[in-house]
Protein backbone atom coordinates (compact mmCIF):
# COMPACT_ATOMS: atom_id res chain seq x y z
CA UNK A 1 -3.34 5.68 -11.40
CA UNK A 2 0.04 5.82 -9.60
CA UNK A 3 -1.16 7.95 -6.69
CA UNK A 4 -4.34 6.51 -5.16
CA UNK A 5 -3.93 3.75 -2.60
CA UNK A 6 -6.19 1.21 -0.90
CA UNK A 7 -9.87 2.17 -0.79
CA UNK A 8 -9.16 5.34 -2.80
CA UNK A 9 -8.64 3.14 -5.88
CA UNK A 10 -11.58 2.07 -8.06
CA UNK A 11 -12.11 -0.21 -11.03
CA UNK A 12 -11.39 2.52 -13.58
CA UNK A 13 -8.05 3.38 -11.99
CA UNK A 14 -7.00 -0.26 -11.83
CA UNK A 15 -8.07 -0.81 -15.45
CA UNK A 16 -6.03 2.19 -16.61
CA UNK A 17 -3.01 0.95 -14.68
CA UNK A 18 -3.38 -2.62 -15.94
CA UNK A 19 -3.96 -1.82 -19.59
CA UNK A 20 -1.18 0.77 -19.82
CA UNK A 21 1.61 -1.05 -18.04
CA UNK A 22 0.60 -4.55 -19.23
CA UNK A 23 0.67 -3.28 -22.80
CA UNK A 24 4.18 -1.93 -22.33
CA UNK A 25 5.32 -5.09 -20.56
CA UNK A 26 3.89 -7.22 -23.37
CA UNK A 27 5.71 -5.14 -25.98
CA UNK A 28 9.03 -5.40 -24.16
CA UNK A 29 8.74 -9.12 -23.45
CA UNK A 30 7.67 -10.11 -26.97
CA UNK A 31 10.18 -7.85 -28.72
CA UNK A 32 13.01 -9.23 -26.57
CA UNK A 33 12.03 -12.78 -27.49
CA UNK A 34 11.86 -11.82 -31.18
CA UNK A 35 15.24 -10.14 -30.95
CA UNK A 36 17.33 -12.56 -28.88
CA UNK A 37 15.12 -15.62 -28.22
CA UNK A 38 14.68 -15.22 -24.44
CA UNK A 39 11.68 -14.20 -22.33
CA UNK A 40 12.49 -11.52 -19.78
CA UNK A 41 9.31 -11.78 -17.70
CA UNK A 42 8.19 -15.41 -18.03
CA UNK A 43 9.60 -16.82 -14.81
CA UNK A 44 7.54 -20.03 -15.05
CA UNK A 45 9.03 -20.81 -18.45
CA UNK A 46 12.52 -19.75 -17.41
CA UNK A 47 12.50 -21.97 -14.32
CA UNK A 48 11.20 -24.88 -16.42
CA UNK A 49 14.01 -24.44 -18.98
CA UNK A 50 16.49 -24.09 -16.11
CA UNK A 51 15.31 -27.44 -14.75
CA UNK A 52 15.58 -29.07 -18.16
CA UNK A 53 19.10 -27.80 -18.87
CA UNK A 54 20.27 -28.62 -15.35
CA UNK A 55 18.95 -32.18 -15.62
CA UNK A 56 20.90 -32.89 -18.82
CA UNK A 57 24.07 -31.23 -17.57
CA UNK A 58 24.06 -28.01 -19.63
CA UNK A 59 25.61 -26.00 -16.82
CA UNK A 60 26.38 -22.73 -18.59
CA UNK A 61 22.88 -22.31 -20.03
CA UNK A 62 21.38 -23.39 -16.68
CA UNK A 63 23.37 -20.63 -14.99
CA UNK A 64 22.10 -18.04 -17.46
CA UNK A 65 18.45 -18.98 -16.90
CA UNK A 66 19.05 -18.92 -13.15
CA UNK A 67 20.50 -15.43 -13.53
CA UNK A 68 17.36 -14.30 -15.38
CA UNK A 69 15.20 -15.45 -12.47
CA UNK A 70 17.52 -13.78 -9.95
CA UNK A 71 17.46 -10.52 -11.95
CA UNK A 72 13.64 -10.51 -11.85
CA UNK A 73 13.63 -11.14 -8.10
CA UNK A 74 16.26 -8.46 -7.50
CA UNK A 75 14.18 -5.99 -9.53
CA UNK A 76 11.14 -6.69 -7.36
CA UNK A 77 13.28 -6.40 -4.25
CA UNK A 78 14.79 -3.06 -5.28
CA UNK A 79 11.31 -1.75 -6.09
CA UNK A 80 10.10 -2.78 -2.64
CA UNK A 81 13.05 -1.11 -0.89
CA UNK A 82 12.46 2.08 -2.87
CA UNK A 83 8.73 2.11 -2.09
CA UNK A 84 9.28 1.33 1.59
CA UNK A 85 11.85 4.13 1.89
CA UNK A 86 9.46 6.56 0.20
CA UNK A 87 6.56 5.59 2.43
CA UNK A 88 8.67 6.00 5.56
CA UNK A 89 9.49 9.53 4.36
CA UNK A 90 5.84 10.18 3.44
CA UNK A 91 6.66 10.71 -0.25
CA UNK A 92 3.16 10.74 -1.70
CA UNK A 93 4.20 9.92 -5.26
CA UNK A 94 6.68 7.16 -4.47
CA UNK A 95 5.02 4.69 -6.86
CA UNK A 96 5.31 7.21 -9.70
CA UNK A 97 8.96 7.74 -8.80
CA UNK A 98 9.46 3.97 -9.04
CA UNK A 99 8.03 3.97 -12.58
CA UNK A 100 10.24 6.97 -13.35
CA UNK A 101 13.22 4.86 -12.26
CA UNK A 102 12.09 2.12 -14.63
CA UNK A 103 11.79 4.65 -17.46
CA UNK A 104 15.33 5.97 -16.95
CA UNK A 105 16.86 2.50 -16.78
CA UNK A 106 14.85 1.34 -19.81
CA UNK A 107 16.12 4.34 -21.78
CA UNK A 108 19.69 3.31 -20.97
CA UNK A 109 18.89 -0.27 -21.97
CA UNK A 110 17.51 0.92 -25.29
CA UNK A 111 20.74 2.72 -26.10
CA UNK A 112 22.69 -0.36 -25.01
CA UNK A 113 20.66 -2.52 -27.40
CA UNK A 114 21.47 -0.12 -30.24
CA UNK A 115 25.18 0.21 -29.49
CA UNK A 116 26.30 -3.08 -27.95
CA UNK A 117 27.60 -5.73 -30.31
CA UNK A 118 28.74 -9.32 -29.98
CA UNK A 119 28.33 -11.47 -26.89
CA UNK A 120 27.42 -8.62 -24.50
CA UNK A 121 24.19 -7.60 -26.22
CA UNK A 122 22.07 -10.66 -25.34
CA UNK A 123 22.83 -10.92 -21.60
CA UNK A 124 22.59 -7.15 -21.06
CA UNK A 125 19.24 -6.95 -22.84
CA UNK A 126 17.65 -10.03 -21.25
CA UNK A 127 18.92 -9.49 -17.70
CA UNK A 128 18.19 -5.77 -17.87
CA UNK A 129 14.61 -6.37 -18.98
CA UNK A 130 14.12 -9.12 -16.38
CA UNK A 131 15.20 -6.68 -13.67
CA UNK A 132 12.84 -3.98 -14.98
CA UNK A 133 9.90 -6.38 -15.32
CA UNK A 134 10.41 -7.47 -11.71
CA UNK A 135 10.53 -3.82 -10.66
CA UNK A 136 7.36 -2.93 -12.56
CA UNK A 137 5.41 -5.97 -11.37
CA UNK A 138 6.28 -5.18 -7.75
CA UNK A 139 5.11 -1.57 -8.16
CA UNK A 140 1.68 -2.47 -9.56
CA UNK A 141 1.27 -5.36 -7.11
CA UNK A 142 1.94 -3.08 -4.13
CA UNK A 143 -0.15 -0.11 -5.27
CA UNK A 144 -3.17 -2.27 -6.23
CA UNK A 145 -3.00 -4.63 -3.23
CA UNK A 146 -2.21 -7.49 -5.66
CA UNK A 147 -5.34 -6.91 -7.78
CA UNK A 148 -3.18 -6.03 -10.79
CA UNK A 149 -0.12 -7.84 -12.14
CA UNK A 150 1.22 -6.61 -15.46
CA UNK A 151 3.77 -9.32 -16.31
CA UNK A 152 2.24 -12.40 -14.63
CA UNK A 153 -0.11 -13.84 -17.27
CA UNK A 154 -0.28 -17.32 -15.69
CA UNK A 155 -1.78 -15.89 -12.53
CA UNK A 156 -4.24 -13.74 -14.45
CA UNK A 157 -5.34 -16.70 -16.57
CA UNK A 158 -5.92 -18.67 -13.36
CA UNK A 159 -7.97 -15.79 -11.92
CA UNK A 160 -10.09 -15.67 -15.09
CA UNK A 161 -10.85 -19.38 -14.70
CA UNK A 162 -11.78 -18.87 -11.05
CA UNK A 163 -14.05 -15.92 -11.80
CA UNK A 164 -15.73 -17.79 -14.68
CA UNK A 165 -16.43 -20.69 -12.31
CA UNK A 166 -17.90 -18.31 -9.74
CA UNK A 167 -20.00 -16.62 -12.45
CA UNK A 168 -21.36 -20.01 -13.51
CA UNK A 169 -22.37 -20.82 -9.93
CA UNK A 170 -24.05 -17.40 -9.61
CA UNK A 171 -26.05 -18.07 -12.79
CA UNK A 172 -27.19 -21.41 -11.35
CA UNK A 173 -28.12 -19.79 -8.05
CA UNK A 174 -25.45 -21.60 -6.07
CA UNK A 175 -23.70 -18.38 -5.02
CA UNK A 176 -25.13 -15.08 -3.78
CA UNK A 177 -26.34 -12.70 -6.48
CA UNK A 178 -24.78 -9.87 -4.45
CA UNK A 179 -21.34 -11.21 -5.47
CA UNK A 180 -22.12 -10.80 -9.19
CA UNK A 181 -20.94 -7.18 -9.52
CA UNK A 182 -17.63 -7.91 -7.79
CA UNK A 183 -17.19 -11.02 -9.92
CA UNK A 184 -17.79 -9.09 -13.16
CA UNK A 185 -15.38 -6.37 -12.07
CA UNK A 186 -12.54 -8.80 -11.39
CA UNK A 187 -13.23 -10.77 -14.57
CA UNK A 188 -13.20 -7.58 -16.64
CA UNK A 189 -9.93 -6.45 -15.05
CA UNK A 190 -8.11 -9.72 -15.79
CA UNK A 191 -9.49 -9.99 -19.33
CA UNK A 192 -8.44 -6.45 -20.15
CA UNK A 193 -4.99 -7.01 -18.64
CA UNK A 194 -4.28 -10.13 -20.69
CA UNK A 195 -5.68 -8.48 -23.81
CA UNK A 196 -3.42 -5.47 -23.27
CA UNK A 197 -0.40 -7.75 -22.79
CA UNK A 198 -1.28 -9.64 -25.98
CA UNK A 199 -1.86 -6.55 -28.11
CA UNK A 200 1.24 -4.91 -26.64
CA UNK A 201 3.25 -7.97 -27.64
CA UNK A 202 1.99 -7.82 -31.22
CA UNK A 203 2.70 -4.11 -31.46
CA UNK A 204 6.11 -4.60 -29.83
CA UNK A 205 7.30 -7.13 -32.41
CA UNK A 206 5.96 -5.06 -35.32
CA UNK A 207 7.68 -1.94 -34.02
CA UNK A 208 10.91 -3.74 -33.18
CA UNK A 209 11.10 -5.02 -36.74
CA UNK A 210 10.74 -1.44 -37.94
CA UNK A 211 12.85 0.55 -35.46
CA UNK A 212 14.79 -2.13 -33.50
CA UNK A 213 16.14 -1.01 -30.12
CA UNK A 214 14.50 2.39 -30.50
CA UNK A 215 11.34 0.60 -29.35
CA UNK A 216 12.77 0.49 -25.83
CA UNK A 217 13.44 4.21 -25.99
CA UNK A 218 9.85 4.86 -27.10
CA UNK A 219 8.55 2.67 -24.27
CA UNK A 220 10.83 4.49 -21.82
CA UNK A 221 9.48 7.86 -22.96
CA UNK A 222 5.92 6.57 -22.49
CA UNK A 223 6.72 5.41 -18.96
CA UNK A 224 8.42 8.76 -18.30
CA UNK A 225 5.25 10.66 -19.25
CA UNK A 226 3.09 8.34 -17.11
CA UNK A 227 5.44 8.77 -14.14
CA UNK A 228 5.64 12.56 -14.45
CA UNK A 229 1.85 12.83 -14.61
CA UNK A 230 1.67 10.78 -11.42
CA UNK A 231 4.34 12.87 -9.70
CA UNK A 232 2.60 16.09 -10.72
CA UNK A 233 -0.72 14.87 -9.38
CA UNK A 234 0.88 13.68 -6.15
CA UNK A 235 2.44 17.11 -5.61
CA UNK A 236 -0.86 18.88 -6.23
CA UNK A 237 -2.66 16.54 -3.85
CA UNK A 238 0.03 16.97 -1.21
CA UNK A 239 -0.14 20.73 -1.63
CA UNK A 240 -3.91 20.78 -1.13
CA UNK A 241 -3.62 18.61 1.99
CA UNK A 242 -0.91 20.88 3.38
CA UNK A 243 -3.03 23.96 2.71
CA UNK A 244 -6.01 22.43 4.52
CA UNK A 245 -3.87 21.51 7.53
CA UNK A 246 -2.38 25.01 7.65
CA UNK A 247 -5.84 26.55 7.48
CA UNK A 248 -7.10 24.32 10.30
CA UNK A 249 -4.08 25.21 12.45
CA UNK A 250 -4.62 28.95 11.91
CA UNK A 251 -8.32 28.58 12.78
CA UNK A 252 -7.54 26.77 16.01
CA UNK A 253 -5.06 29.44 17.11
């Protein structure tokens, strides 16, 4: 699910990507809110609170919410730079390497949550997760051509409304019946993604109450396994392509 690009991707691959990473994102976002009272991935809410605090002159809290938004944007930007560099160098598994980067940084953040005390714990946890959520969302947006977003529930909810409206018109014969399969596919993808985010959030809070910051370490290990599977598959695919090219070259000579 972290290797195929463009037309090589199908509904099953996108569903696997959406459900897996949206579930993890939901767990991280909900557990962070339970732990410290801030959302790391909800940029709509964070910008709204930023506006509110700025309007009433709460400058220090306004600055913190602004920093959360900037951290998310920087995470997406770093992800894009990493992916672009990998694609220029023809690194077939660059998207898996990006998720591997997220896993390593999340592991470090989990240890920080366990060890840091006092005033440093909240900003490190919230800003660190905001950066990682931006990184992850950029990865899945790029690899799926924006069909999948694992932290952007507002957009997915909007897409569900759009697809339901289209489905209603198809039922009434106002739209082409040929669009029905594509409509059902998109609706299923968005419903599964939001459901995974929701269930991940529930599981995240339950687990955080039981094991605290070790939840981030568990999530990091899960991402690590996903990334390594993608890297392994990318290497096998690259090896097969190289073997075919070598065989064709030897045949021509």
